[in-house]
Amino acid sequence: MKSYQDKVCVITGAASGIGRALAIDLAKRGARLALSDINEEGLAETMEMIGPSNMHMTDRLDMADADAIAAYAPKVEAQLGKADFVFNNAGFARIGDFRNTTAEQYESIMDVNFYGVVRMSKAFLEQLIATKGGLVNVSSIFGIVGWPGQAHYCASKFGVRGFSEALSMEMEEHGVSVSCVHPGGVQTNVARNAILDHNPDATLTREQMNKNFDDNAPTTPARAAEIILAGTARGDQRIIVGPDAKFMQLWNRFFPVRYRKLVQKRAQGLLNT
């Protein structure tokens, strides 16, 4: 198993949630951290939790900005050294059925959730080959199962899964591990901050929807980070986070057609609980 001591670990989306938990955990393990997020205030809060260190750097970075990402990789190398691990965690969610969302809304989530992963992977790939490091791309359980009202989010996360699985085969000869992470319900602000393109149940307020999602999130960010880091150290190609994600993955594997009925019931339960 790989160690994180003195390793250069790049984490996107480090201002909150799983990204912040990864940063805190890796700091305790003695890693050198390159943390980025579009939310500078949240990044500062993450650094306060970690404590000052000349082995850490923070940057505002937009996953939709291809030029900024291309310039970011050499900056990390100049300040900390070549990347040993890259955790592509940044992303956001949208809610709304296909009929009531626009092509532009689909493009915006693909630009961040999918192409952001592609851009970061491309920018850091030569560094990871040099260090024989690990690339960790955060998808979702919605990258394994479809979910009504989340077609745009699912498209972006299924894309991350396909990209990661193909790249892992290409990178075997170079000694680079590529892991795809599929979290279930994690107690973060992803659902709470989701852009509501269309409310699939107009009888519910946004606050009620948020509470329903919160009540069905069994995994803490700290626990998610622990699972991800253990799987990454082993070089696991697929990392499932949370009991709900494990259940949905198994149901999808053994009942690839019938699982749709379970998903529809669970989705309706989240809306109407």
C-alpha atoms as a PDB file:
ATOM      1  CA  MET A   1       0.000   0.000   0.000  1.00  0.00           C
ATOM      2  CA  LYS A   2       1.155   3.493  -0.854  1.00  0.00           C
ATOM      3  CA  SER A   3       1.982   6.009   1.863  1.00  0.00           C
ATOM      4  CA  TYR A   4       0.960   9.668   1.837  1.00  0.00           C
ATOM      5  CA  GLN A   5       3.885  10.914   3.953  1.00  0.00           C
ATOM      6  CA  ASP A   6       5.656  13.773   2.114  1.00  0.00           C
ATOM      7  CA  LYS A   7       3.602  13.081  -1.017  1.00  0.00           C
ATOM      8  CA  VAL A   8       2.275  15.941  -3.125  1.00  0.00           C
ATOM      9  CA  CYS A   9      -1.505  15.623  -3.086  1.00  0.00           C
ATOM     10  CA  VAL A  10      -3.635  17.840  -5.326  1.00  0.00           C
ATOM     11  CA  ILE A  11      -7.275  18.253  -4.276  1.00  0.00           C
ATOM     12  CA  THR A  12      -9.947  20.175  -6.150  1.00  0.00           C
ATOM     13  CA  GLY A  13     -13.151  21.210  -4.431  1.00  0.00           C
ATOM     14  CA  ALA A  14     -11.256  21.531  -1.142  1.00  0.00           C
ATOM     15  CA  ALA A  15     -13.406  24.327   0.303  1.00  0.00           C
ATOM     16  CA  SER A  16     -15.989  21.970   1.826  1.00  0.00           C
ATOM     17  CA  GLY A  17     -17.366  18.464   2.044  1.00  0.00           C
ATOM     18  CA  ILE A  18     -15.293  15.504   0.898  1.00  0.00           C
ATOM     19  CA  GLY A  19     -12.544  17.723  -0.494  1.00  0.00           C
ATOM     20  CA  ARG A  20     -12.074  19.458   2.844  1.00  0.00           C
ATOM     21  CA  ALA A  21     -12.150  16.119   4.690  1.00  0.00           C
ATOM     22  CA  LEU A  22      -9.493  14.722   2.343  1.00  0.00           C
ATOM     23  CA  ALA A  23      -7.297  17.766   2.977  1.00  0.00           C
ATOM     24  CA  ILE A  24      -7.608  17.496   6.769  1.00  0.00           C
ATOM     25  CA  ASP A  25      -6.914  13.751   6.747  1.00  0.00           C
ATOM     26  CA  LEU A  26      -3.943  14.019   4.379  1.00  0.00           C
ATOM     27  CA  ALA A  27      -2.435  16.874   6.387  1.00  0.00           C
ATOM     28  CA  LYS A  28      -2.441  14.595   9.443  1.00  0.00           C
ATOM     29  CA  ARG A  29      -0.639  11.970   7.361  1.00  0.00           C
ATOM     30  CA  GLY A  30       2.140  14.396   6.495  1.00  0.00           C
ATOM     31  CA  ALA A  31       1.231  15.094   2.889  1.00  0.00           C
ATOM     32  CA  ARG A  32       2.080  18.256   0.986  1.00  0.00           C
ATOM     33  CA  LEU A  33      -1.173  19.767  -0.215  1.00  0.00           C
ATOM     34  CA  ALA A  34      -2.188  21.756  -3.269  1.00  0.00           C
ATOM     35  CA  LEU A  35      -5.761  22.780  -2.521  1.00  0.00           C
ATOM     36  CA  SER A  36      -8.078  24.528  -4.927  1.00  0.00           C
ATOM     37  CA  ASP A  37     -11.689  25.594  -5.192  1.00  0.00           C
ATOM     38  CA  ILE A  38     -13.750  28.345  -6.760  1.00  0.00           C
ATOM     39  CA  ASN A  39     -14.805  29.319  -3.205  1.00  0.00           C
ATOM     40  CA  GLU A  40     -11.886  31.266  -1.726  1.00  0.00           C
ATOM     41  CA  GLU A  41     -13.632  31.853   1.612  1.00  0.00           C
ATOM     42  CA  GLY A  42     -14.213  28.138   2.061  1.00  0.00           C
ATOM     43  CA  LEU A  43     -10.593  27.402   1.145  1.00  0.00           C
ATOM     44  CA  ALA A  44      -9.431  29.797   3.856  1.00  0.00           C
ATOM     45  CA  GLU A  45     -11.639  27.979   6.366  1.00  0.00           C
ATOM     46  CA  THR A  46     -10.120  24.660   5.313  1.00  0.00           C
ATOM     47  CA  MET A  47      -6.636  26.037   5.880  1.00  0.00           C
ATOM     48  CA  GLU A  48      -7.637  27.307   9.323  1.00  0.00           C
ATOM     49  CA  MET A  49      -8.737  23.775  10.221  1.00  0.00           C
ATOM     50  CA  ILE A  50      -5.457  22.326   8.970  1.00  0.00           C
ATOM     51  CA  GLY A  51      -3.147  24.945  10.420  1.00  0.00           C
ATOM     52  CA  PRO A  52      -0.338  26.934   8.789  1.00  0.00           C
ATOM     53  CA  SER A  53       2.344  25.073   6.858  1.00  0.00           C
ATOM     54  CA  ASN A  54       4.857  25.894   4.131  1.00  0.00           C
ATOM     55  CA  MET A  55       4.024  22.486   2.625  1.00  0.00           C
ATOM     56  CA  HIS A  56       0.541  23.619   1.572  1.00  0.00           C
ATOM     57  CA  MET A  57      -0.709  25.981  -1.134  1.00  0.00           C
ATOM     58  CA  THR A  58      -4.196  27.218  -2.012  1.00  0.00           C
ATOM     59  CA  ASP A  59      -5.561  28.615  -5.256  1.00  0.00           C
ATOM     60  CA  ARG A  60      -8.867  29.755  -6.621  1.00  0.00           C
ATOM     61  CA  LEU A  61      -9.457  27.440  -9.562  1.00  0.00           C
ATOM     62  CA  ASP A  62     -12.472  27.121 -11.831  1.00  0.00           C
ATOM     63  CA  MET A  63     -12.863  23.666 -13.369  1.00  0.00           C
ATOM     64  CA  ALA A  64     -14.451  25.271 -16.434  1.00  0.00           C
ATOM     65  CA  ASP A  65     -11.326  27.385 -17.094  1.00  0.00           C
ATOM     66  CA  ALA A  66      -9.093  25.265 -19.335  1.00  0.00           C
ATOM     67  CA  ASP A  67      -6.266  27.827 -19.467  1.00  0.00           C
ATOM     68  CA  ALA A  68      -6.155  28.212 -15.680  1.00  0.00           C
ATOM     69  CA  ILE A  69      -5.950  24.437 -15.188  1.00  0.00           C
ATOM     70  CA  ALA A  70      -3.156  24.111 -17.766  1.00  0.00           C
ATOM     71  CA  ALA A  71      -1.181  26.783 -15.887  1.00  0.00           C
ATOM     72  CA  TYR A  72      -1.941  25.263 -12.480  1.00  0.00           C
ATOM     73  CA  ALA A  73      -0.022  22.005 -12.929  1.00  0.00           C
ATOM     74  CA  PRO A  74       3.417  23.626 -13.480  1.00  0.00           C
ATOM     75  CA  LYS A  75       2.701  26.004 -10.602  1.00  0.00           C
ATOM     76  CA  VAL A  76       2.145  23.056  -8.248  1.00  0.00           C
ATOM     77  CA  GLU A  77       5.342  21.401  -9.443  1.00  0.00           C
ATOM     78  CA  ALA A  78       7.334  24.601  -8.945  1.00  0.00           C
ATOM     79  CA  GLN A  79       6.083  25.144  -5.399  1.00  0.00           C
ATOM     80  CA  LEU A  80       5.697  21.611  -4.024  1.00  0.00           C
ATOM     81  CA  GLY A  81       7.186  19.166  -6.539  1.00  0.00           C
ATOM     82  CA  LYS A  82       5.622  16.737  -8.968  1.00  0.00           C
ATOM     83  CA  ALA A  83       2.172  15.494  -8.023  1.00  0.00           C
ATOM     84  CA  ASP A  84       1.962  12.042  -6.450  1.00  0.00           C
ATOM     85  CA  PHE A  85      -1.831  11.995  -6.136  1.00  0.00           C
ATOM     86  CA  VAL A  86      -4.514  14.070  -7.836  1.00  0.00           C
ATOM     87  CA  PHE A  87      -7.995  14.001  -6.315  1.00  0.00           C
ATOM     88  CA  ASN A  88     -10.491  15.368  -8.831  1.00  0.00           C
ATOM     89  CA  ASN A  89     -13.286  16.083  -6.403  1.00  0.00           C
ATOM     90  CA  ALA A  90     -14.776  19.413  -7.563  1.00  0.00           C
ATOM     91  CA  GLY A  91     -18.281  19.363  -8.980  1.00  0.00           C
ATOM     92  CA  PHE A  92     -21.855  20.505  -8.495  1.00  0.00           C
ATOM     93  CA  ALA A  93     -25.380  19.155  -8.869  1.00  0.00           C
ATOM     94  CA  ARG A  94     -28.444  20.251 -10.778  1.00  0.00           C
ATOM     95  CA  ILE A  95     -32.048  19.135 -10.275  1.00  0.00           C
ATOM     96  CA  GLY A  96     -34.648  19.083 -13.013  1.00  0.00           C
ATOM     97  CA  ASP A  97     -36.120  16.699 -15.537  1.00  0.00           C
ATOM     98  CA  PHE A  98     -34.877  16.652 -19.110  1.00  0.00           C
ATOM     99  CA  ARG A  99     -38.018  18.151 -20.599  1.00  0.00           C
ATOM    100  CA  ASN A 100     -37.737  21.264 -18.428  1.00  0.00           C
ATOM    101  CA  THR A 101     -33.998  21.929 -18.694  1.00  0.00           C
ATOM    102  CA  THR A 102     -32.042  23.517 -21.508  1.00  0.00           C
ATOM    103  CA  ALA A 103     -29.083  22.322 -23.525  1.00  0.00           C
ATOM    104  CA  GLU A 104     -27.031  25.131 -21.980  1.00  0.00           C
ATOM    105  CA  GLN A 105     -27.777  23.813 -18.490  1.00  0.00           C
ATOM    106  CA  TYR A 106     -26.509  20.391 -19.563  1.00  0.00           C
ATOM    107  CA  GLU A 107     -23.380  21.904 -21.045  1.00  0.00           C
ATOM    108  CA  SER A 108     -22.608  23.848 -17.868  1.00  0.00           C
ATOM    109  CA  ILE A 109     -22.583  20.773 -15.630  1.00  0.00           C
ATOM    110  CA  MET A 110     -20.612  18.707 -18.150  1.00  0.00           C
ATOM    111  CA  ASP A 111     -18.059  21.524 -18.383  1.00  0.00           C
ATOM    112  CA  VAL A 112     -17.288  21.285 -14.659  1.00  0.00           C
ATOM    113  CA  ASN A 113     -18.083  17.732 -13.580  1.00  0.00           C
ATOM    114  CA  PHE A 114     -16.752  15.913 -16.640  1.00  0.00           C
ATOM    115  CA  TYR A 115     -14.426  18.176 -18.578  1.00  0.00           C
ATOM    116  CA  GLY A 116     -12.947  19.521 -15.347  1.00  0.00           C
ATOM    117  CA  VAL A 117     -11.810  15.971 -14.552  1.00  0.00           C
ATOM    118  CA  VAL A 118     -10.465  15.518 -18.073  1.00  0.00           C
ATOM    119  CA  ARG A 119      -8.578  18.829 -17.966  1.00  0.00           C
ATOM    120  CA  MET A 120      -7.019  18.148 -14.579  1.00  0.00           C
ATOM    121  CA  SER A 121      -6.070  14.608 -15.578  1.00  0.00           C
ATOM    122  CA  LYS A 122      -4.427  15.864 -18.755  1.00  0.00           C
ATOM    123  CA  ALA A 123      -2.585  18.666 -16.974  1.00  0.00           C
ATOM    124  CA  PHE A 124      -1.077  16.398 -14.298  1.00  0.00           C
ATOM    125  CA  LEU A 125      -0.680  13.134 -16.215  1.00  0.00           C
ATOM    126  CA  GLU A 126       3.029  13.471 -17.029  1.00  0.00           C
ATOM    127  CA  GLN A 127       3.782  14.319 -13.391  1.00  0.00           C
ATOM    128  CA  LEU A 128       1.870  11.235 -12.233  1.00  0.00           C
ATOM    129  CA  ILE A 129       3.717   9.048 -14.724  1.00  0.00           C
ATOM    130  CA  ALA A 130       7.008  10.396 -13.387  1.00  0.00           C
ATOM    131  CA  THR A 131       6.040   9.667  -9.766  1.00  0.00           C
ATOM    132  CA  LYS A 132       4.063   6.488 -10.559  1.00  0.00           C
ATOM    133  CA  GLY A 133       1.308   8.099  -8.587  1.00  0.00           C
ATOM    134  CA  GLY A 134      -2.450   7.879  -8.355  1.00  0.00           C
ATOM    135  CA  LEU A 135      -5.292   9.671 -10.125  1.00  0.00           C
ATOM    136  CA  VAL A 136      -8.560   9.705  -8.168  1.00  0.00           C
ATOM    137  CA  ASN A 137     -11.706  10.865  -9.964  1.00  0.00           C
ATOM    138  CA  VAL A 138     -14.839  11.381  -7.892  1.00  0.00           C
ATOM    139  CA  SER A 139     -17.958  10.222  -9.704  1.00  0.00           C
ATOM    140  CA  SER A 140     -21.108   9.288  -7.762  1.00  0.00           C
ATOM    141  CA  ILE A 141     -23.458   6.386  -7.231  1.00  0.00           C
ATOM    142  CA  PHE A 142     -25.317   8.288  -9.970  1.00  0.00           C
ATOM    143  CA  GLY A 143     -22.393   7.297 -12.182  1.00  0.00           C
ATOM    144  CA  ILE A 144     -23.543   3.684 -11.793  1.00  0.00           C
ATOM    145  CA  VAL A 145     -27.333   4.017 -11.608  1.00  0.00           C
ATOM    146  CA  GLY A 146     -29.620   6.470 -13.330  1.00  0.00           C
ATOM    147  CA  TRP A 147     -31.838   8.748 -11.250  1.00  0.00           C
ATOM    148  CA  PRO A 148     -34.966  10.630 -12.348  1.00  0.00           C
ATOM    149  CA  GLY A 149     -34.618  14.391 -12.271  1.00  0.00           C
ATOM    150  CA  GLN A 150     -30.830  14.045 -12.389  1.00  0.00           C
ATOM    151  CA  ALA A 151     -30.185  13.189 -16.046  1.00  0.00           C
ATOM    152  CA  HIS A 152     -27.644  16.002 -16.497  1.00  0.00           C
ATOM    153  CA  TYR A 153     -25.814  15.110 -13.271  1.00  0.00           C
ATOM    154  CA  CYS A 154     -25.893  11.399 -14.163  1.00  0.00           C
ATOM    155  CA  ALA A 155     -24.518  12.138 -17.627  1.00  0.00           C
ATOM    156  CA  SER A 156     -21.544  13.965 -16.126  1.00  0.00           C
ATOM    157  CA  LYS A 157     -20.851  11.257 -13.538  1.00  0.00           C
ATOM    158  CA  PHE A 158     -21.306   8.327 -15.932  1.00  0.00           C
ATOM    159  CA  GLY A 159     -18.818  10.171 -18.124  1.00  0.00           C
ATOM    160  CA  VAL A 160     -16.285  10.337 -15.298  1.00  0.00           C
ATOM    161  CA  ARG A 161     -16.709   6.619 -14.714  1.00  0.00           C
ATOM    162  CA  GLY A 162     -16.183   5.659 -18.364  1.00  0.00           C
ATOM    163  CA  PHE A 163     -13.217   7.984 -18.726  1.00  0.00           C
ATOM    164  CA  SER A 164     -11.592   6.666 -15.546  1.00  0.00           C
ATOM    165  CA  GLU A 165     -12.075   2.992 -16.382  1.00  0.00           C
ATOM    166  CA  ALA A 166     -10.607   3.404 -19.871  1.00  0.00           C
ATOM    167  CA  LEU A 167      -7.709   5.532 -18.618  1.00  0.00           C
ATOM    168  CA  SER A 168      -6.884   3.009 -15.891  1.00  0.00           C
ATOM    169  CA  MET A 169      -6.202   0.407 -18.580  1.00  0.00           C
ATOM    170  CA  GLU A 170      -4.012   2.815 -20.536  1.00  0.00           C
ATOM    171  CA  MET A 171      -1.997   3.747 -17.465  1.00  0.00           C
ATOM    172  CA  GLU A 172      -1.221   0.228 -16.230  1.00  0.00           C
ATOM    173  CA  GLU A 173       2.021   0.048 -18.201  1.00  0.00           C
ATOM    174  CA  HIS A 174       3.096   3.385 -16.725  1.00  0.00           C
ATOM    175  CA  GLY A 175       2.521   2.367 -13.107  1.00  0.00           C
ATOM    176  CA  VAL A 176      -0.180   4.978 -12.502  1.00  0.00           C
ATOM    177  CA  SER A 177      -3.282   3.852 -10.614  1.00  0.00           C
ATOM    178  CA  VAL A 178      -6.595   5.376 -11.667  1.00  0.00           C
ATOM    179  CA  SER A 179      -9.434   5.150  -9.161  1.00  0.00           C
ATOM    180  CA  CYS A 180     -13.058   6.108  -9.687  1.00  0.00           C
ATOM    181  CA  VAL A 181     -14.975   7.014  -6.523  1.00  0.00           C
ATOM    182  CA  HIS A 182     -18.728   6.480  -6.222  1.00  0.00           C
ATOM    183  CA  PRO A 183     -20.129   8.111  -3.066  1.00  0.00           C
ATOM    184  CA  GLY A 184     -23.702   7.604  -2.011  1.00  0.00           C
ATOM    185  CA  GLY A 185     -25.361  10.048   0.365  1.00  0.00           C
ATOM    186  CA  VAL A 186     -22.627  12.015   2.112  1.00  0.00           C
ATOM    187  CA  GLN A 187     -23.363  14.786   4.603  1.00  0.00           C
ATOM    188  CA  THR A 188     -22.109  17.636   2.412  1.00  0.00           C
ATOM    189  CA  ASN A 189     -23.688  20.682   0.789  1.00  0.00           C
ATOM    190  CA  VAL A 190     -23.765  19.164  -2.701  1.00  0.00           C
ATOM    191  CA  ALA A 191     -27.516  18.512  -2.621  1.00  0.00           C
ATOM    192  CA  ARG A 192     -28.219  21.614  -0.545  1.00  0.00           C
ATOM    193  CA  ASN A 193     -26.373  23.814  -3.055  1.00  0.00           C
ATOM    194  CA  ALA A 194     -27.723  22.026  -6.119  1.00  0.00           C
ATOM    195  CA  ILE A 195     -29.051  24.338  -8.796  1.00  0.00           C
ATOM    196  CA  LEU A 196     -32.797  23.826  -9.030  1.00  0.00           C
ATOM    197  CA  ASP A 197     -33.580  24.044 -12.734  1.00  0.00           C
ATOM    198  CA  HIS A 198     -37.001  22.524 -12.210  1.00  0.00           C
ATOM    199  CA  ASN A 199     -38.732  21.285  -9.055  1.00  0.00           C
ATOM    200  CA  PRO A 200     -40.007  17.759  -9.816  1.00  0.00           C
ATOM    201  CA  ASP A 201     -42.503  18.068  -6.981  1.00  0.00           C
ATOM    202  CA  ALA A 202     -43.869  21.605  -6.720  1.00  0.00           C
ATOM    203  CA  THR A 203     -45.672  20.740  -3.476  1.00  0.00           C
ATOM    204  CA  LEU A 204     -42.304  20.695  -1.675  1.00  0.00           C
ATOM    205  CA  THR A 205     -40.265  23.726  -0.714  1.00  0.00           C
ATOM    206  CA  ARG A 206     -36.521  23.794  -1.270  1.00  0.00           C
ATOM    207  CA  GLU A 207     -36.028  23.524   2.496  1.00  0.00           C
ATOM    208  CA  GLN A 208     -38.117  20.352   2.658  1.00  0.00           C
ATOM    209  CA  MET A 209     -36.184  18.849  -0.233  1.00  0.00           C
ATOM    210  CA  ASN A 210     -32.884  19.637   1.487  1.00  0.00           C
ATOM    211  CA  LYS A 211     -34.062  18.038   4.722  1.00  0.00           C
ATOM    212  CA  ASN A 212     -35.122  14.883   2.894  1.00  0.00           C
ATOM    213  CA  PHE A 213     -31.712  14.602   1.260  1.00  0.00           C
ATOM    214  CA  ASP A 214     -29.946  15.271   4.573  1.00  0.00           C
ATOM    215  CA  ASP A 215     -31.992  12.605   6.336  1.00  0.00           C
ATOM    216  CA  ASN A 216     -30.912  10.056   3.732  1.00  0.00           C
ATOM    217  CA  ALA A 217     -27.170  10.760   3.834  1.00  0.00           C
ATOM    218  CA  PRO A 218     -25.626   8.095   6.134  1.00  0.00           C
ATOM    219  CA  THR A 219     -21.934   8.894   5.593  1.00  0.00           C
ATOM    220  CA  THR A 220     -19.885  11.735   7.091  1.00  0.00           C
ATOM    221  CA  PRO A 221     -17.270  13.523   4.961  1.00  0.00           C
ATOM    222  CA  ALA A 222     -14.545  12.290   7.332  1.00  0.00           C
ATOM    223  CA  ARG A 223     -15.619   8.689   6.846  1.00  0.00           C
ATOM    224  CA  ALA A 224     -15.830   9.205   3.085  1.00  0.00           C
ATOM    225  CA  ALA A 225     -12.275  10.567   3.067  1.00  0.00           C
ATOM    226  CA  GLU A 226     -11.056   7.603   5.091  1.00  0.00           C
ATOM    227  CA  ILE A 227     -12.586   5.142   2.616  1.00  0.00           C
ATOM    228  CA  ILE A 228     -11.223   7.024  -0.399  1.00  0.00           C
ATOM    229  CA  LEU A 229      -7.698   7.237   0.976  1.00  0.00           C
ATOM    230  CA  ALA A 230      -7.639   3.563   1.923  1.00  0.00           C
ATOM    231  CA  GLY A 231      -8.837   2.562  -1.541  1.00  0.00           C
ATOM    232  CA  THR A 232      -6.389   4.902  -3.249  1.00  0.00           C
ATOM    233  CA  ALA A 233      -3.477   3.523  -1.233  1.00  0.00           C
ATOM    234  CA  ARG A 234      -4.408   0.029  -2.425  1.00  0.00           C
ATOM    235  CA  GLY A 235      -4.792   1.206  -6.003  1.00  0.00           C
ATOM    236  CA  ASP A 236      -8.449   0.175  -6.173  1.00  0.00           C
ATOM    237  CA  GLN A 237     -10.007   0.956  -9.532  1.00  0.00           C
ATOM    238  CA  ARG A 238     -13.497   1.408  -8.051  1.00  0.00           C
ATOM    239  CA  ILE A 239     -14.133   2.863  -4.597  1.00  0.00           C
ATOM    240  CA  ILE A 240     -17.692   2.699  -3.255  1.00  0.00           C
ATOM    241  CA  VAL A 241     -18.475   5.092  -0.414  1.00  0.00           C
ATOM    242  CA  GLY A 242     -21.366   4.446   1.954  1.00  0.00           C
ATOM    243  CA  PRO A 243     -23.778   1.578   2.689  1.00  0.00           C
ATOM    244  CA  ASP A 244     -26.441   3.067   0.433  1.00  0.00           C
ATOM    245  CA  ALA A 245     -24.032   3.202  -2.512  1.00  0.00           C
ATOM    246  CA  LYS A 246     -22.951  -0.396  -1.903  1.00  0.00           C
ATOM    247  CA  PHE A 247     -26.566  -1.536  -1.852  1.00  0.00           C
ATOM    248  CA  MET A 248     -27.470   0.340  -5.049  1.00  0.00           C
ATOM    249  CA  GLN A 249     -24.369  -0.962  -6.841  1.00  0.00           C
ATOM    250  CA  LEU A 250     -25.198  -4.563  -5.949  1.00  0.00           C
ATOM    251  CA  TRP A 251     -28.836  -4.150  -6.936  1.00  0.00           C
ATOM    252  CA  ASN A 252     -27.739  -2.679 -10.265  1.00  0.00           C
ATOM    253  CA  ARG A 253     -25.244  -5.506 -10.847  1.00  0.00           C
ATOM    254  CA  PHE A 254     -27.617  -8.377 -10.129  1.00  0.00           C
ATOM    255  CA  PHE A 255     -30.824  -6.780 -11.421  1.00  0.00           C
ATOM    256  CA  PRO A 256     -29.728  -4.486 -14.279  1.00  0.00           C
ATOM    257  CA  VAL A 257     -33.322  -3.987 -15.469  1.00  0.00           C
ATOM    258  CA  ARG A 258     -35.402  -4.337 -12.307  1.00  0.00           C
ATOM    259  CA  TYR A 259     -33.219  -1.891 -10.355  1.00  0.00           C
ATOM    260  CA  ARG A 260     -35.051   0.928 -12.139  1.00  0.00           C
ATOM    261  CA  LYS A 261     -38.200   0.251 -10.094  1.00  0.00           C
ATOM    262  CA  LEU A 262     -36.242   0.465  -6.849  1.00  0.00           C
ATOM    263  CA  VAL A 263     -34.671   3.738  -7.953  1.00  0.00           C
ATOM    264  CA  GLN A 264     -38.051   5.220  -8.815  1.00  0.00           C
ATOM    265  CA  LYS A 265     -39.445   4.251  -5.409  1.00  0.00           C
ATOM    266  CA  ARG A 266     -36.439   5.674  -3.573  1.00  0.00           C
ATOM    267  CA  ALA A 267     -36.524   8.866  -5.613  1.00  0.00           C
ATOM    268  CA  GLN A 268     -40.214   9.328  -4.882  1.00  0.00           C
ATOM    269  CA  GLY A 269     -39.562   8.637  -1.212  1.00  0.00           C
ATOM    270  CA  LEU A 270     -36.899  11.348  -1.078  1.00  0.00           C
ATOM    271  CA  LEU A 271     -39.290  13.813  -2.595  1.00  0.00           C
ATOM    272  CA  ASN A 272     -42.280  12.954  -0.446  1.00  0.00           C
ATOM    273  CA  THR A 273     -40.738  11.893   2.891  1.00  0.00           C
END
